[in-house]
């Protein structure tokens, strides 16, 4: 294996690590908390509910 290949693999690994950290930071931004909370409650929503009816927010989400 040539040294160039080792450097390319190292750079690729760093790029993937930076992308992972970027997505992780993006997901933990406070402005996404309410949307992720709604999405987390979506599987528990009543199937008989009328379309367009919003999922009620929790007390913790309203305080933020």
N, C-alpha and C. Protein backbone atom coordinates (compact mmCIF):
# COMPACT_ATOMS: atom_id res chain seq x y z
N UNK A 1 0.85 -1.17 0.00
CA UNK A 1 0.00 0.00 0.00
C UNK A 1 0.90 1.24 0.00
N UNK A 2 0.55 2.22 -0.82
CA UNK A 2 1.37 3.42 -0.93
C UNK A 2 1.01 4.42 0.17
N UNK A 3 1.95 5.31 0.51
CA UNK A 3 1.66 6.33 1.53
C UNK A 3 0.53 7.28 1.12
N UNK A 4 0.37 7.50 -0.17
CA UNK A 4 -0.70 8.39 -0.64
C UNK A 4 -2.06 7.80 -0.27
N UNK A 5 -2.21 6.49 -0.44
CA UNK A 5 -3.47 5.85 -0.10
C UNK A 5 -3.79 6.03 1.39
N UNK A 6 -2.80 5.90 2.24
CA UNK A 6 -2.98 6.09 3.67
C UNK A 6 -3.43 7.50 4.00
N UNK A 7 -2.87 8.49 3.32
CA UNK A 7 -3.27 9.88 3.54
C UNK A 7 -4.71 10.13 3.07
N UNK A 8 -5.07 9.55 1.94
CA UNK A 8 -6.43 9.72 1.44
C UNK A 8 -7.44 9.09 2.40
N UNK A 9 -7.13 7.93 2.92
CA UNK A 9 -8.02 7.28 3.87
C UNK A 9 -8.13 8.13 5.13
N UNK A 10 -7.04 8.71 5.59
CA UNK A 10 -7.07 9.58 6.77
C UNK A 10 -7.92 10.81 6.55
N UNK A 11 -7.78 11.45 5.39
CA UNK A 11 -8.58 12.64 5.07
C UNK A 11 -10.05 12.27 4.98
N UNK A 12 -10.35 11.15 4.35
CA UNK A 12 -11.74 10.69 4.24
C UNK A 12 -12.34 10.43 5.62
N UNK A 13 -11.57 9.82 6.49
CA UNK A 13 -12.04 9.55 7.86
C UNK A 13 -12.32 10.86 8.59
N UNK A 14 -11.45 11.84 8.45
CA UNK A 14 -11.68 13.14 9.09
C UNK A 14 -12.92 13.83 8.54
N UNK A 15 -13.15 13.73 7.24
CA UNK A 15 -14.34 14.34 6.65
C UNK A 15 -15.61 13.67 7.17
N UNK A 16 -15.59 12.35 7.27
CA UNK A 16 -16.76 11.65 7.80
C UNK A 16 -17.00 12.00 9.27
N UNK A 17 -15.93 12.13 10.04
CA UNK A 17 -16.06 12.50 11.44
C UNK A 17 -16.62 13.92 11.57
N UNK A 18 -16.15 14.83 10.74
CA UNK A 18 -16.65 16.21 10.78
C UNK A 18 -18.13 16.25 10.38
N UNK A 19 -18.53 15.45 9.39
CA UNK A 19 -19.94 15.40 8.98
C UNK A 19 -20.80 14.84 10.11
N UNK A 20 -20.33 13.81 10.77
CA UNK A 20 -21.08 13.23 11.89
C UNK A 20 -21.27 14.25 13.01
N UNK A 21 -20.20 14.94 13.37
CA UNK A 21 -20.28 15.94 14.43
C UNK A 21 -21.20 17.09 14.01
N UNK A 22 -21.15 17.48 12.75
CA UNK A 22 -22.03 18.54 12.24
C UNK A 22 -23.50 18.15 12.33
N UNK A 23 -23.83 16.93 11.95
CA UNK A 23 -25.22 16.47 12.04
C UNK A 23 -25.65 16.37 13.50
N UNK A 24 -24.76 15.90 14.36
CA UNK A 24 -25.07 15.78 15.78
C UNK A 24 -25.37 17.15 16.39
N UNK A 25 -24.55 18.14 16.07
CA UNK A 25 -24.77 19.50 16.59
C UNK A 25 -26.07 20.06 16.04
N UNK A 26 -26.33 19.86 14.75
CA UNK A 26 -27.56 20.35 14.14
C UNK A 26 -28.79 19.76 14.83
N UNK A 27 -28.75 18.46 15.13
CA UNK A 27 -29.90 17.79 15.75
C UNK A 27 -30.14 18.29 17.17
N UNK A 28 -29.11 18.75 17.87
CA UNK A 28 -29.26 19.19 19.25
C UNK A 28 -29.49 20.69 19.38
N UNK A 29 -29.66 21.41 18.28
CA UNK A 29 -29.96 22.84 18.37
C UNK A 29 -31.32 23.04 19.03
N UNK A 30 -31.44 24.02 19.90
CA UNK A 30 -32.70 24.22 20.63
C UNK A 30 -33.91 24.47 19.73
N UNK A 31 -33.72 25.06 18.57
CA UNK A 31 -34.87 25.37 17.71
C UNK A 31 -35.51 24.11 17.13
N UNK A 32 -34.83 22.96 17.19
CA UNK A 32 -35.39 21.72 16.67
C UNK A 32 -36.15 20.92 17.72
N UNK A 33 -36.08 21.33 18.97
CA UNK A 33 -36.66 20.56 20.07
C UNK A 33 -38.18 20.36 19.89
N UNK A 34 -38.90 21.41 19.54
CA UNK A 34 -40.35 21.30 19.41
C UNK A 34 -40.73 20.38 18.25
N UNK A 35 -40.07 20.51 17.11
CA UNK A 35 -40.38 19.66 15.96
C UNK A 35 -40.06 18.20 16.27
N UNK A 36 -38.94 17.94 16.90
CA UNK A 36 -38.57 16.56 17.23
C UNK A 36 -39.52 16.00 18.28
N UNK A 37 -40.01 16.84 19.18
CA UNK A 37 -40.99 16.38 20.16
C UNK A 37 -42.29 15.94 19.49
N UNK A 38 -42.76 16.73 18.53
CA UNK A 38 -43.96 16.34 17.77
C UNK A 38 -43.73 15.05 17.01
N UNK A 39 -42.57 14.92 16.38
CA UNK A 39 -42.28 13.71 15.62
C UNK A 39 -42.15 12.49 16.53
N UNK A 40 -41.65 12.67 17.74
CA UNK A 40 -41.51 11.56 18.67
C UNK A 40 -42.87 11.04 19.13
N UNK A 41 -43.88 11.93 19.23
CA UNK A 41 -45.20 11.51 19.65
C UNK A 41 -46.06 11.00 18.49
N UNK A 42 -45.60 11.12 17.27
CA UNK A 42 -46.38 10.74 16.10
C UNK A 42 -46.80 9.27 16.11
N UNK A 43 -45.94 8.32 16.46
CA UNK A 43 -46.40 6.92 16.45
C UNK A 43 -47.50 6.64 17.46
N UNK A 44 -47.63 7.45 18.48
CA UNK A 44 -48.64 7.22 19.52
C UNK A 44 -49.93 7.98 19.25
N UNK A 45 -49.98 8.68 18.13
CA UNK A 45 -51.17 9.45 17.79
C UNK A 45 -52.31 8.50 17.43
N UNK A 46 -53.51 8.87 17.79
CA UNK A 46 -54.69 8.06 17.51
C UNK A 46 -54.94 8.04 16.01
N UNK A 47 -55.10 6.84 15.47
CA UNK A 47 -55.34 6.72 14.03
C UNK A 47 -56.72 7.25 13.64
N UNK A 48 -57.64 7.31 14.58
CA UNK A 48 -58.98 7.78 14.28
C UNK A 48 -59.11 9.29 14.31
N UNK A 49 -58.03 9.98 14.62
CA UNK A 49 -58.08 11.44 14.70
C UNK A 49 -58.28 12.03 13.30
N UNK A 50 -58.92 13.17 13.28
CA UNK A 50 -59.16 13.84 12.01
C UNK A 50 -57.85 14.37 11.43
N UNK A 51 -57.67 14.33 10.12
CA UNK A 51 -56.46 14.90 9.52
C UNK A 51 -56.38 16.40 9.80
N UNK A 52 -55.19 16.87 10.03
CA UNK A 52 -54.98 18.29 10.28
C UNK A 52 -55.06 18.66 11.74
N UNK A 53 -55.46 17.73 12.59
CA UNK A 53 -55.52 18.00 14.02
C UNK A 53 -54.11 17.89 14.56
N UNK A 54 -53.65 18.92 15.22
CA UNK A 54 -52.27 18.92 15.70
C UNK A 54 -52.15 18.09 16.96
N UNK A 55 -50.94 17.59 17.18
CA UNK A 55 -50.64 16.81 18.37
C UNK A 55 -50.40 17.81 19.50
N UNK A 56 -51.06 17.65 20.64
CA UNK A 56 -50.85 18.62 21.72
C UNK A 56 -49.42 18.55 22.24
N UNK A 57 -48.89 19.69 22.61
CA UNK A 57 -47.53 19.74 23.13
C UNK A 57 -47.55 19.41 24.61
N UNK A 58 -46.42 18.96 25.10
CA UNK A 58 -46.31 18.64 26.53
C UNK A 58 -46.01 19.90 27.31
N UNK A 59 -46.18 19.83 28.62
CA UNK A 59 -45.90 20.98 29.47
C UNK A 59 -44.44 21.39 29.37
N UNK A 60 -43.54 20.41 29.28
CA UNK A 60 -42.12 20.72 29.22
C UNK A 60 -41.78 21.50 27.96
N UNK A 61 -42.44 21.16 26.84
CA UNK A 61 -42.17 21.88 25.59
C UNK A 61 -42.71 23.30 25.63
N UNK A 62 -43.83 23.51 26.31
CA UNK A 62 -44.42 24.84 26.37
C UNK A 62 -43.59 25.78 27.22
N UNK A 63 -42.90 25.24 28.21
CA UNK A 63 -42.06 26.07 29.09
C UNK A 63 -40.79 26.54 28.40
N UNK A 64 -40.39 25.87 27.34
CA UNK A 64 -39.11 26.21 26.68
C UNK A 64 -39.30 27.29 25.68
